[in-house]
Amino acid sequence: MDVVSKIVELANDERAWLAAAIGTGVLVYLTYLLVHPYPAYGAGLYLKIASEISAHGYGLPARIPLYTKDGVPFGYPPLMYYVSAILMDVTGVGPITLSRFLPGLVTILYLVPFYYLAHEVLDSTPRAGFATLVLAVTPPILQWHLSAGGVVRAPAFLFVVTGAYTGIRMFKTGERKWLLASAILFGLTVLTHPVYTVFFGTTYLVMFVSFSRTPRGLLYGATVVAGGLAISSPWWLQIVAIHGVSIFTAASGTHTGIGGGTHRLLKQFVYPLDMRWPIVFYIGSFAGAAYLVAKRRFFLPIWMLTGAYMLGKVRFQFPAGAMMVAILVFEVIIPRIQQWTKKTRYSRSVPLAVVIAITILVTSVGISFAGSGLHSHLGSTTQPSFVDDDDMAAMEWVQQSTASDSDFLVLGDSAEWFPLMTDRAILVGPWGVEWEGHNHYRHQLGLYKRMSRCPSKTCLTKKMISNDVDPDYVYVPKGHYTVRGVDEYQKPWMREHLVGSDRYKLVYENEGAMVFRVQEPMEPTEIPEDGPQPV
């Protein structure tokens, strides 16, 4: 058997493709760990919830303290908070370590059910394997699942992908054996994350329309929904008993909401084309969708459109998008290049060469993204960590050296971790406030961003007074920091003006952070202007 024939045989080997995809996922994970001594983004609130569950004897708390003055209502689906609490209690692992390692393990795990889902949709081992490899390195998928918040989001995605496989088998075959598994997976998704619950539901709706527009298909879908709601009822019934149904309606419109008109379409399908290197994933997905629409094969384009449009999150484009990239490669690009080279000695090696070249391209982008080697997140570094060694040292000082009832104003994204790591309250921050409704959430989010980006002491003081924010201490980052994941750089005169003020007293400082105690409150008319600011 010659080398080409052997490669062709391997190309149809399911184990080889799974190994390649999983190996790529492992490489991405190891790169992320190597570059990130602290996890990307934040999971402070998530793990504070886990610690509160543990402190309540594994019962559900009514509120989560320290995130704003009075804390925030607890309405989150609790499954992964229970898992996190158990892992931390049993193993002794800390929240930083858990949120650094656990998400990446799940991002590798969900590649397995995705492969079988892709195989069911594409009916081809090479196409399914390539789609799985693409998913393993897709930046919008990695951004939300590999990072710290992946302690919740990555398992939710695992349940959705696995549920999509059992769902498509259920709708295609009509076999009842898939009903129970689908209902359980929907229930697990409901118990994990509300946004992924909606994605699960839209996925099943598209599958019903595409594969089983029959009374039986409708009955099966309704049974899955009823079963999932029954499985998750111990949680949502208790939340309704404590807070009322309004807590869910209050939260539903805070982030991107469901649907969104023309602006939503632009945000999902036009604006991402300005994302530099990750653009290759969008172009491949959109081109594959156009090809399928021309061929009147609508399932994947509709799944991509509904997932992204309904939820307003680009990551929900790519379960379908990765498969459409595979279709584009195997049905358009490879045949076209083979046609160009059919009279040359290279024609037989074209499929392998194309797959290797595209694999190298997308894997390089994915690994660079995971390793914070790209600048594509609104022009900022990808996968930023919200805290570093200086933040951790400053937070340790806060915990040891300030009164337990002290209130803090924390500038920058380290605020997300601050209550968990210090056991002190932050007065301004959007985390968890969505459960109090749209207006409260937008107010806290806007105030947090404006104050964190204040270029001067005068700006900061005016905003504190005008918004009735009266902290005992102000935590100020030095040098580089982030606000909502976007790079910011502290103005060089900020320290000088704060130190020179009678209102603020510097009580702690290291290379990356400063802590100021706020002196007697100052009336708005007493606010002095800052001194000259270097250009």
Protein backbone atom coordinates (compact mmCIF):
# COMPACT_ATOMS: atom_id res chain seq x y z
CA MET A 1 0.00 0.00 0.00
CA ASP A 2 1.51 3.38 -1.04
CA VAL A 3 1.60 6.42 1.18
CA VAL A 4 -1.34 8.16 -0.51
CA SER A 5 -3.55 5.08 -0.15
CA LYS A 6 -2.63 4.82 3.51
CA ILE A 7 -3.54 8.46 4.05
CA VAL A 8 -6.87 7.94 2.29
CA GLU A 9 -7.56 5.02 4.63
CA LEU A 10 -6.73 7.17 7.67
CA ALA A 11 -8.95 9.94 6.34
CA ASN A 12 -11.95 7.68 6.91
CA ASP A 13 -10.77 6.47 10.31
CA GLU A 14 -13.03 7.91 13.01
CA ARG A 15 -10.43 7.37 15.73
CA ALA A 16 -7.80 9.26 13.78
CA TRP A 17 -10.02 12.31 13.32
CA LEU A 18 -11.15 12.28 16.95
CA ALA A 19 -7.55 11.98 18.08
CA ALA A 20 -6.56 14.90 15.85
CA ALA A 21 -9.37 17.11 17.13
CA ILE A 22 -8.81 16.21 20.79
CA GLY A 23 -5.06 16.60 20.38
CA THR A 24 -5.64 20.08 18.97
CA GLY A 25 -7.91 20.89 21.90
CA VAL A 26 -5.24 19.73 24.33
CA LEU A 27 -2.64 21.90 22.58
CA VAL A 28 -4.90 24.95 22.88
CA TYR A 29 -5.51 24.16 26.56
CA LEU A 30 -1.82 23.75 27.38
CA THR A 31 -0.96 26.98 25.57
CA TYR A 32 -3.61 28.80 27.58
CA LEU A 33 -2.27 27.41 30.87
CA LEU A 34 1.30 28.26 29.95
CA VAL A 35 0.44 31.90 29.26
CA HIS A 36 -2.15 32.39 32.02
CA PRO A 37 -0.95 32.01 35.62
CA TYR A 38 -4.38 33.45 36.42
CA PRO A 39 -7.54 32.58 34.49
CA ALA A 40 -8.80 34.81 31.70
CA TYR A 41 -11.72 37.12 32.50
CA GLY A 42 -13.65 36.60 35.73
CA ALA A 43 -15.53 34.01 37.75
CA GLY A 44 -15.43 35.71 41.13
CA LEU A 45 -19.21 35.96 41.42
CA TYR A 46 -19.69 32.38 40.26
CA LEU A 47 -17.32 31.03 42.86
CA LYS A 48 -18.65 33.35 45.55
CA ILE A 49 -22.02 31.71 44.87
CA ALA A 50 -20.37 28.30 45.27
CA SER A 51 -18.86 29.35 48.60
CA GLU A 52 -22.24 30.69 49.79
CA ILE A 53 -23.91 27.39 48.87
CA SER A 54 -21.27 25.56 50.89
CA ALA A 55 -21.72 27.97 53.82
CA HIS A 56 -25.50 27.38 53.74
CA GLY A 57 -25.06 23.65 54.18
CA TYR A 58 -25.61 23.12 50.43
CA GLY A 59 -28.91 24.95 50.51
CA LEU A 60 -29.74 27.80 48.13
CA PRO A 61 -28.98 31.27 49.50
CA ALA A 62 -31.53 34.04 49.01
CA ARG A 63 -28.90 36.67 48.24
CA ILE A 64 -25.19 36.79 47.44
CA PRO A 65 -23.45 39.34 49.67
CA LEU A 66 -20.69 41.84 48.88
CA TYR A 67 -21.58 42.44 45.22
CA THR A 68 -22.92 46.00 45.74
CA LYS A 69 -23.82 47.33 49.18
CA ASP A 70 -26.79 45.06 49.80
CA GLY A 71 -25.66 42.11 47.71
CA VAL A 72 -27.62 40.71 44.78
CA PRO A 73 -30.55 38.28 44.59
CA PHE A 74 -29.66 34.68 43.87
CA GLY A 75 -31.53 33.48 40.79
CA TYR A 76 -28.84 31.62 38.86
CA PRO A 77 -29.28 27.98 37.84
CA PRO A 78 -27.25 26.21 40.55
CA LEU A 79 -25.83 22.98 39.10
CA MET A 80 -22.24 24.04 38.43
CA TYR A 81 -22.13 26.09 41.63
CA TYR A 82 -22.88 22.90 43.54
CA VAL A 83 -20.23 21.05 41.52
CA SER A 84 -17.71 23.83 42.20
CA ALA A 85 -18.56 23.90 45.90
CA ILE A 86 -18.11 20.14 46.20
CA LEU A 87 -14.81 20.21 44.29
CA MET A 88 -13.41 23.00 46.48
CA ASP A 89 -14.66 21.44 49.72
CA VAL A 90 -13.49 17.91 48.94
CA THR A 91 -10.16 18.63 47.26
CA GLY A 92 -9.22 21.89 48.97
CA VAL A 93 -8.50 23.49 45.60
CA GLY A 94 -8.88 27.27 45.54
CA PRO A 95 -11.20 29.29 43.29
CA ILE A 96 -8.39 30.65 41.11
CA THR A 97 -7.01 27.17 40.44
CA LEU A 98 -10.45 25.69 39.80
CA SER A 99 -11.43 28.39 37.32
CA ARG A 100 -8.07 28.09 35.58
CA PHE A 101 -8.09 24.32 35.04
CA LEU A 102 -11.69 23.07 34.95
CA PRO A 103 -13.02 25.01 31.92
CA GLY A 104 -10.27 23.76 29.61
CA LEU A 105 -10.92 20.14 30.53
CA VAL A 106 -14.57 20.54 29.57
CA THR A 107 -13.68 22.28 26.29
CA ILE A 108 -11.77 19.13 25.36
CA LEU A 109 -14.59 16.86 26.54
CA TYR A 110 -17.34 18.51 24.49
CA LEU A 111 -15.44 17.82 21.28
CA VAL A 112 -16.49 14.16 21.49
CA PRO A 113 -20.28 14.66 21.33
CA PHE A 114 -19.78 17.43 18.81
CA TYR A 115 -17.98 15.01 16.50
CA TYR A 116 -20.91 12.58 16.59
CA LEU A 117 -23.37 15.44 16.07
CA ALA A 118 -21.35 16.64 13.07
CA HIS A 119 -21.20 13.11 11.69
CA GLU A 120 -24.97 12.82 11.95
CA VAL A 121 -25.44 16.13 10.11
CA LEU A 122 -22.68 15.80 7.52
CA ASP A 123 -22.76 12.00 7.02
CA SER A 124 -19.00 11.94 6.50
CA THR A 125 -16.12 11.04 8.78
CA PRO A 126 -13.60 13.49 7.27
CA ARG A 127 -16.10 16.36 7.26
CA ALA A 128 -17.17 15.65 10.84
CA GLY A 129 -13.58 15.33 12.01
CA PHE A 130 -12.52 18.55 10.32
CA ALA A 131 -15.55 20.41 11.70
CA THR A 132 -14.65 19.21 15.20
CA LEU A 133 -11.07 20.38 14.76
CA VAL A 134 -12.33 23.80 13.62
CA LEU A 135 -14.62 24.06 16.64
CA ALA A 136 -11.68 23.25 18.94
CA VAL A 137 -9.85 26.40 17.83
CA THR A 138 -12.70 28.82 17.09
CA PRO A 139 -11.99 32.09 18.99
CA PRO A 140 -15.58 33.00 20.02
CA ILE A 141 -16.02 29.48 21.41
CA LEU A 142 -12.72 29.63 23.30
CA GLN A 143 -13.35 33.14 24.63
CA TRP A 144 -16.37 32.09 26.64
CA HIS A 145 -15.61 28.45 27.45
CA LEU A 146 -11.85 28.27 28.06
CA SER A 147 -11.79 31.33 30.32
CA ALA A 148 -12.73 31.51 34.01
CA GLY A 149 -16.48 31.76 33.39
CA GLY A 150 -16.19 28.45 31.58
CA VAL A 151 -16.70 26.78 34.97
CA VAL A 152 -20.38 27.33 34.15
CA ARG A 153 -20.53 28.02 30.41
CA ALA A 154 -18.38 25.11 29.17
CA PRO A 155 -20.53 22.45 30.91
CA ALA A 156 -23.64 24.20 29.58
CA PHE A 157 -22.20 23.96 26.07
CA LEU A 158 -21.38 20.29 26.67
CA PHE A 159 -25.01 19.61 27.60
CA VAL A 160 -26.30 21.54 24.58
CA VAL A 161 -24.02 19.79 22.08
CA THR A 162 -24.81 16.36 23.52
CA GLY A 163 -28.49 17.24 23.57
CA ALA A 164 -28.31 18.34 19.94
CA TYR A 165 -26.98 14.88 19.04
CA THR A 166 -29.71 13.03 20.92
CA GLY A 167 -32.25 15.49 19.52
CA ILE A 168 -31.32 15.04 15.89
CA ARG A 169 -31.42 11.27 16.36
CA MET A 170 -34.83 11.59 18.00
CA PHE A 171 -36.32 13.77 15.26
CA LYS A 172 -34.75 11.81 12.40
CA THR A 173 -35.52 8.29 13.58
CA GLY A 174 -38.60 8.83 15.70
CA GLU A 175 -37.21 6.34 18.21
CA ARG A 176 -38.47 6.87 21.74
CA LYS A 177 -35.18 5.79 23.30
CA TRP A 178 -33.76 9.24 22.57
CA LEU A 179 -36.54 11.01 24.47
CA LEU A 180 -35.28 10.35 27.98
CA ALA A 181 -31.69 11.31 27.23
CA SER A 182 -32.86 14.52 25.52
CA ALA A 183 -35.12 15.47 28.43
CA ILE A 184 -32.33 14.85 30.97
CA LEU A 185 -29.87 16.93 28.95
CA PHE A 186 -32.38 19.75 28.62
CA GLY A 187 -32.95 19.62 32.37
CA LEU A 188 -29.20 19.77 33.02
CA THR A 189 -28.94 22.76 30.69
CA VAL A 190 -31.79 24.55 32.48
CA LEU A 191 -29.94 23.92 35.74
CA THR A 192 -26.69 25.33 34.35
CA HIS A 193 -27.18 28.52 32.31
CA PRO A 194 -30.27 30.41 31.04
CA VAL A 195 -28.74 31.58 27.75
CA TYR A 196 -27.69 28.05 26.79
CA THR A 197 -31.19 26.89 27.71
CA VAL A 198 -32.59 29.21 25.03
CA PHE A 199 -29.99 27.94 22.55
CA PHE A 200 -31.00 24.36 23.35
CA GLY A 201 -34.63 25.28 22.68
CA THR A 202 -33.94 27.09 19.39
CA THR A 203 -31.81 24.16 18.25
CA TYR A 204 -34.66 21.73 18.84
CA LEU A 205 -37.12 24.05 17.11
CA VAL A 206 -34.91 24.21 14.01
CA MET A 207 -34.47 20.42 14.08
CA PHE A 208 -38.23 19.91 14.36
CA VAL A 209 -38.85 22.18 11.37
CA SER A 210 -36.03 20.58 9.35
CA PHE A 211 -36.48 16.90 10.10
CA SER A 212 -39.83 16.09 11.67
CA ARG A 213 -42.70 18.51 10.99
CA THR A 214 -45.20 15.95 12.22
CA PRO A 215 -47.51 15.58 15.22
CA ARG A 216 -45.09 12.99 16.58
CA GLY A 217 -42.17 15.38 16.24
CA LEU A 218 -44.13 18.10 18.00
CA LEU A 219 -45.09 15.70 20.79
CA TYR A 220 -41.50 14.57 21.23
CA GLY A 221 -40.25 18.16 21.44
CA ALA A 222 -42.93 19.08 23.97
CA THR A 223 -42.06 16.00 26.02
CA VAL A 224 -38.41 17.03 26.15
CA VAL A 225 -39.36 20.51 27.35
CA ALA A 226 -41.77 19.17 29.97
CA GLY A 227 -39.25 16.60 31.18
CA GLY A 228 -36.46 19.16 31.44
CA LEU A 229 -38.63 21.60 33.35
CA ALA A 230 -39.69 18.82 35.72
CA ILE A 231 -36.06 17.81 36.35
CA SER A 232 -35.09 21.41 37.10
CA SER A 233 -38.22 22.25 39.11
CA PRO A 234 -36.63 21.91 42.60
CA TRP A 235 -34.51 24.93 41.69
CA TRP A 236 -36.93 27.22 39.90
CA LEU A 237 -39.83 26.53 42.24
CA GLN A 238 -37.70 27.55 45.21
CA ILE A 239 -36.49 30.70 43.43
CA VAL A 240 -40.10 31.65 42.60
CA ALA A 241 -41.12 31.00 46.21
CA ILE A 242 -38.38 33.32 47.49
CA HIS A 243 -38.33 36.09 44.86
CA GLY A 244 -41.44 35.61 42.74
CA VAL A 245 -41.64 35.04 38.99
CA SER A 246 -40.56 38.62 38.39
CA ILE A 247 -36.92 37.77 39.10
CA PHE A 248 -36.76 35.83 35.83
CA THR A 249 -38.57 38.48 33.81
CA ALA A 250 -36.31 41.15 35.33
CA ALA A 251 -33.16 39.34 34.24
CA SER A 252 -34.37 38.36 30.75
CA GLY A 253 -33.85 41.78 29.19
CA THR A 254 -30.59 42.85 30.80
CA HIS A 255 -27.79 41.51 28.63
CA THR A 256 -28.60 41.12 24.93
CA GLY A 257 -32.14 39.82 25.34
CA ILE A 258 -33.91 37.65 22.78
CA GLY A 259 -34.07 38.99 19.22
CA GLY A 260 -33.08 42.51 18.28
CA GLY A 261 -33.96 43.77 14.80
CA THR A 262 -31.54 45.08 12.19
CA HIS A 263 -28.91 46.08 14.73
CA ARG A 264 -28.72 42.50 15.98
CA LEU A 265 -28.13 41.24 12.43
CA LEU A 266 -25.35 43.79 11.89
CA LYS A 267 -23.75 42.96 15.23
CA GLN A 268 -23.77 39.23 14.54
CA PHE A 269 -22.99 39.05 10.83
CA VAL A 270 -21.29 42.30 9.77
CA TYR A 271 -19.35 43.81 12.68
CA PRO A 272 -17.39 40.57 13.35
CA LEU A 273 -15.78 40.99 9.93
CA ASP A 274 -13.61 43.68 11.54
CA MET A 275 -11.99 41.21 13.97
CA ARG A 276 -8.64 40.81 12.16
CA TRP A 277 -7.36 37.24 12.23
CA PRO A 278 -10.49 35.59 13.66
CA ILE A 279 -12.20 36.85 10.51
CA VAL A 280 -11.16 33.61 8.76
CA PHE A 281 -13.69 31.70 10.87
CA TYR A 282 -16.51 34.07 10.00
CA ILE A 283 -15.67 34.18 6.30
CA GLY A 284 -15.50 30.38 6.15
CA SER A 285 -18.80 30.02 7.99
CA PHE A 286 -20.65 32.68 5.98
CA ALA A 287 -19.31 31.38 2.66
CA GLY A 288 -20.35 27.87 3.61
CA ALA A 289 -23.82 29.17 4.50
CA ALA A 290 -24.15 30.92 1.12
CA TYR A 291 -23.14 27.71 -0.66
CA LEU A 292 -25.70 25.65 1.28
CA VAL A 293 -28.48 28.15 0.65
CA ALA A 294 -27.67 28.01 -3.09
CA LYS A 295 -27.91 24.21 -2.85
CA ARG A 296 -31.21 24.53 -0.91
CA ARG A 297 -29.74 22.74 2.11
CA PHE A 298 -31.13 25.01 4.79
CA PHE A 299 -30.68 23.30 8.15
CA LEU A 300 -27.19 24.59 9.05
CA PRO A 301 -27.70 28.18 7.79
CA ILE A 302 -31.00 28.44 9.66
CA TRP A 303 -29.45 26.99 12.82
CA MET A 304 -26.61 29.51 12.63
CA LEU A 305 -28.99 32.41 11.97
CA THR A 306 -31.48 31.60 14.72
CA GLY A 307 -28.84 30.86 17.36
CA ALA A 308 -26.95 34.08 16.77
CA TYR A 309 -29.93 36.35 16.10
CA MET A 310 -32.11 35.15 18.95
CA LEU A 311 -29.35 35.27 21.57
CA GLY A 312 -27.03 38.00 20.29
CA LYS A 313 -23.91 35.97 21.08
CA VAL A 314 -21.55 35.20 18.21
CA ARG A 315 -20.38 31.97 19.85
CA PHE A 316 -23.74 30.40 19.04
CA GLN A 317 -23.01 30.73 15.32
CA PHE A 318 -20.25 28.19 15.41
CA PRO A 319 -21.69 24.78 16.17
CA ALA A 320 -23.32 25.17 12.75
CA GLY A 321 -20.52 27.42 11.50
CA ALA A 322 -17.76 24.86 12.05
CA MET A 323 -19.73 22.31 10.05
CA MET A 324 -20.27 24.80 7.23
CA VAL A 325 -16.54 25.51 7.13
CA ALA A 326 -16.00 21.76 6.65
CA ILE A 327 -18.57 21.67 3.85
CA LEU A 328 -16.91 24.64 2.16
CA VAL A 329 -13.50 22.96 2.33
CA PHE A 330 -14.58 19.50 1.14
CA GLU A 331 -17.28 20.44 -1.37
CA VAL A 332 -15.97 23.69 -2.81
CA ILE A 333 -12.29 24.39 -2.18
CA ILE A 334 -10.85 20.89 -2.62
CA PRO A 335 -12.84 20.03 -5.80
CA ARG A 336 -11.95 23.40 -7.33
CA ILE A 337 -8.22 22.93 -6.68
CA GLN A 338 -8.41 19.34 -7.91
CA GLN A 339 -9.93 20.59 -11.13
CA TRP A 340 -7.07 23.04 -11.58
CA THR A 341 -4.46 20.34 -10.95
CA LYS A 342 -6.14 17.31 -12.50
CA LYS A 343 -3.53 16.99 -15.24
CA THR A 344 -0.60 17.17 -12.86
CA ARG A 345 1.01 14.57 -10.66
CA TYR A 346 -0.16 16.46 -7.58
CA SER A 347 -3.90 15.92 -8.05
CA ARG A 348 -4.13 12.93 -5.68
CA SER A 349 -2.47 14.83 -2.85
CA VAL A 350 -4.66 17.93 -3.15
CA PRO A 351 -7.21 16.97 -0.44
CA LEU A 352 -4.50 16.25 2.10
CA ALA A 353 -2.55 19.39 1.24
CA VAL A 354 -5.63 21.62 1.49
CA VAL A 355 -6.75 20.11 4.79
CA ILE A 356 -3.25 20.44 6.28
CA ALA A 357 -2.88 24.05 5.09
CA ILE A 358 -6.26 25.16 6.43
CA THR A 359 -5.71 23.22 9.65
CA ILE A 360 -2.41 25.01 10.21
CA LEU A 361 -4.07 28.37 9.54
CA VAL A 362 -7.06 27.97 11.85
CA THR A 363 -5.05 26.20 14.56
CA SER A 364 -2.45 28.97 14.57
CA VAL A 365 -5.17 31.57 15.00
CA GLY A 366 -6.92 29.59 17.73
CA ILE A 367 -3.75 28.93 19.69
CA SER A 368 -2.64 32.56 19.38
CA PHE A 369 -6.07 33.67 20.57
CA ALA A 370 -6.02 31.36 23.58
CA GLY A 371 -2.47 32.45 24.39
CA SER A 372 -3.33 36.17 24.35
CA GLY A 373 -1.20 36.57 21.24
CA LEU A 374 -3.77 38.47 19.17
CA HIS A 375 -5.30 41.91 19.39
CA SER A 376 -8.81 41.36 18.19
CA HIS A 377 -11.11 41.93 21.17
CA LEU A 378 -12.13 45.53 20.37
CA GLY A 379 -8.48 46.16 19.54
CA SER A 380 -7.34 44.76 22.87
CA THR A 381 -5.42 41.65 23.92
CA THR A 382 -7.38 38.43 23.63
CA GLN A 383 -8.16 36.37 26.74
CA PRO A 384 -6.98 38.96 29.31
CA SER A 385 -6.66 38.05 32.98
CA PHE A 386 -8.58 40.34 35.31
CA VAL A 387 -6.07 39.87 38.15
CA ASP A 388 -2.33 39.35 38.52
CA ASP A 389 0.22 38.93 41.30
CA ASP A 390 -0.01 42.59 42.29
CA ASP A 391 -3.79 42.42 42.56
CA MET A 392 -3.62 39.29 44.67
CA ALA A 393 -1.08 40.87 47.02
CA ALA A 394 -3.19 44.00 47.34
CA MET A 395 -6.35 41.98 48.00
CA GLU A 396 -4.53 39.96 50.67
CA TRP A 397 -3.57 43.20 52.38
CA VAL A 398 -7.18 44.40 52.19
CA GLN A 399 -8.44 41.21 53.80
CA GLN A 400 -5.89 41.38 56.61
CA SER A 401 -5.72 45.12 57.25
CA THR A 402 -9.20 46.61 56.82
CA ALA A 403 -12.36 46.27 58.88
CA SER A 404 -14.67 43.50 57.74
CA ASP A 405 -17.53 45.95 57.16
CA SER A 406 -15.47 48.25 54.93
CA ASP A 407 -16.95 49.25 51.58
CA PHE A 408 -14.77 49.59 48.51
CA LEU A 409 -14.90 51.30 45.14
CA VAL A 410 -12.74 49.15 42.88
CA LEU A 411 -11.69 50.50 39.50
CA GLY A 412 -11.14 48.04 36.66
CA ASP A 413 -12.00 44.40 36.11
CA SER A 414 -10.23 43.15 39.22
CA ALA A 415 -13.46 44.30 40.89
CA GLU A 416 -15.13 41.10 39.67
CA TRP A 417 -12.81 38.96 41.82
CA PHE A 418 -12.50 41.45 44.69
CA PRO A 419 -15.42 40.43 46.98
CA LEU A 420 -14.51 36.73 46.73
CA MET A 421 -10.83 37.25 47.46
CA THR A 422 -11.18 39.91 50.21
CA ASP A 423 -14.58 39.26 51.80
CA ARG A 424 -15.24 43.00 51.39
CA ALA A 425 -18.11 44.68 49.56
CA ILE A 426 -17.83 46.63 46.33
CA LEU A 427 -20.31 49.48 45.91
CA VAL A 428 -20.24 49.63 42.11
CA GLY A 429 -20.30 46.71 39.68
CA PRO A 430 -22.80 45.03 37.32
CA TRP A 431 -22.17 41.42 38.35
CA GLY A 432 -25.36 39.74 39.49
CA VAL A 433 -27.37 42.96 39.29
CA GLU A 434 -29.29 41.64 36.26
CA TRP A 435 -31.61 39.87 38.69
CA GLU A 436 -32.79 43.29 39.90
CA GLY A 437 -33.93 44.38 36.46
CA HIS A 438 -32.79 46.25 33.38
CA ASN A 439 -32.59 49.72 34.91
CA HIS A 440 -30.51 48.67 37.92
CA TYR A 441 -28.20 46.63 35.72
CA ARG A 442 -27.66 49.37 33.13
CA HIS A 443 -27.05 51.94 35.87
CA GLN A 444 -24.44 49.80 37.63
CA LEU A 445 -22.77 48.80 34.37
CA GLY A 446 -22.56 52.36 33.06
CA LEU A 447 -21.35 53.75 36.38
CA TYR A 448 -18.72 51.04 36.71
CA LYS A 449 -17.34 51.71 33.21
CA ARG A 450 -17.33 55.50 33.59
CA MET A 451 -15.65 55.48 36.98
CA SER A 452 -13.10 52.84 35.99
CA ARG A 453 -12.07 54.97 33.01
CA CYS A 454 -11.85 58.25 34.91
CA PRO A 455 -8.67 60.01 33.78
CA SER A 456 -8.28 62.13 36.91
CA LYS A 457 -9.01 62.52 40.60
CA THR A 458 -11.55 65.26 39.89
CA CYS A 459 -13.49 63.02 37.51
CA LEU A 460 -13.53 60.22 40.07
CA THR A 461 -14.59 62.42 42.96
CA LYS A 462 -17.37 64.13 41.02
CA LYS A 463 -18.81 60.81 39.92
CA MET A 464 -18.66 59.46 43.47
CA ILE A 465 -20.54 62.45 44.87
CA SER A 466 -23.07 62.83 42.06
CA ASN A 467 -23.97 59.14 42.25
CA ASP A 468 -24.00 58.95 46.05
CA VAL A 469 -21.15 56.43 46.12
CA ASP A 470 -19.50 56.72 49.55
CA PRO A 471 -16.79 54.07 49.99
CA ASP A 472 -14.39 53.67 52.85
CA TYR A 473 -11.59 52.83 50.41
CA VAL A 474 -10.82 53.21 46.71
CA TYR A 475 -8.81 50.52 44.91
CA VAL A 476 -6.94 52.01 41.92
CA PRO A 477 -4.96 49.98 39.36
CA LYS A 478 -1.61 51.23 38.09
CA GLY A 479 -0.29 50.87 34.56
CA HIS A 480 -2.19 48.41 32.40
CA TYR A 481 -5.61 47.11 33.45
CA THR A 482 -8.87 46.21 31.75
CA VAL A 483 -12.46 47.42 31.85
CA ARG A 484 -14.94 44.83 30.54
CA GLY A 485 -11.98 43.02 29.00
CA VAL A 486 -10.78 46.06 27.04
CA ASP A 487 -7.25 47.37 27.61
CA GLU A 488 -6.88 50.57 29.60
CA TYR A 489 -3.80 52.39 30.91
CA GLN A 490 -3.86 54.40 34.12
CA LYS A 491 -3.01 58.04 33.59
CA PRO A 492 0.46 58.82 35.00
CA TRP A 493 -0.84 61.82 36.96
CA MET A 494 -3.61 59.91 38.76
CA ARG A 495 -1.37 58.79 41.62
CA GLU A 496 0.17 62.23 42.13
CA HIS A 497 -3.19 63.96 42.35
CA LEU A 498 -4.77 61.36 44.64
CA VAL A 499 -1.76 61.39 46.98
CA GLY A 500 -1.78 65.19 47.03
CA SER A 501 -5.46 65.35 47.95
CA ASP A 502 -6.83 65.83 51.47
CA ARG A 503 -9.73 63.53 50.56
CA TYR A 504 -7.65 60.41 49.81
CA LYS A 505 -4.92 58.86 51.93
CA LEU A 506 -2.63 56.25 50.40
CA VAL A 507 -2.60 53.23 52.73
CA TYR A 508 -1.21 50.52 50.47
CA GLU A 509 0.73 50.41 47.21
CA ASN A 510 2.63 47.95 45.08
CA GLU A 511 3.73 47.99 41.44
CA GLY A 512 0.25 47.30 40.10
CA ALA A 513 -2.31 48.64 42.58
CA MET A 514 -3.00 51.37 45.11
CA VAL A 515 -5.49 51.47 47.98
CA PHE A 516 -6.67 54.85 49.30
CA ARG A 517 -8.71 55.44 52.42
CA VAL A 518 -11.40 58.04 51.80
CA GLN A 519 -11.35 60.85 54.36
CA GLU A 520 -14.34 62.95 55.41
CA PRO A 521 -17.00 63.28 52.68
CA MET A 522 -16.64 66.40 50.55
CA GLU A 523 -19.44 68.56 49.22
CA PRO A 524 -19.60 68.97 45.42
CA THR A 525 -18.74 72.67 45.66
CA GLU A 526 -15.55 71.81 47.54
CA ILE A 527 -14.04 69.62 44.85
CA PRO A 528 -10.70 71.13 43.81
CA GLU A 529 -9.55 70.91 40.26
CA ASP A 530 -6.60 68.68 39.45
CA GLY A 531 -3.27 70.30 38.88
CA PRO A 532 -1.57 70.48 35.50
CA GLN A 533 -1.64 67.18 33.62
CA PRO A 534 1.25 66.05 31.45
CA VAL A 535 0.47 65.83 27.78
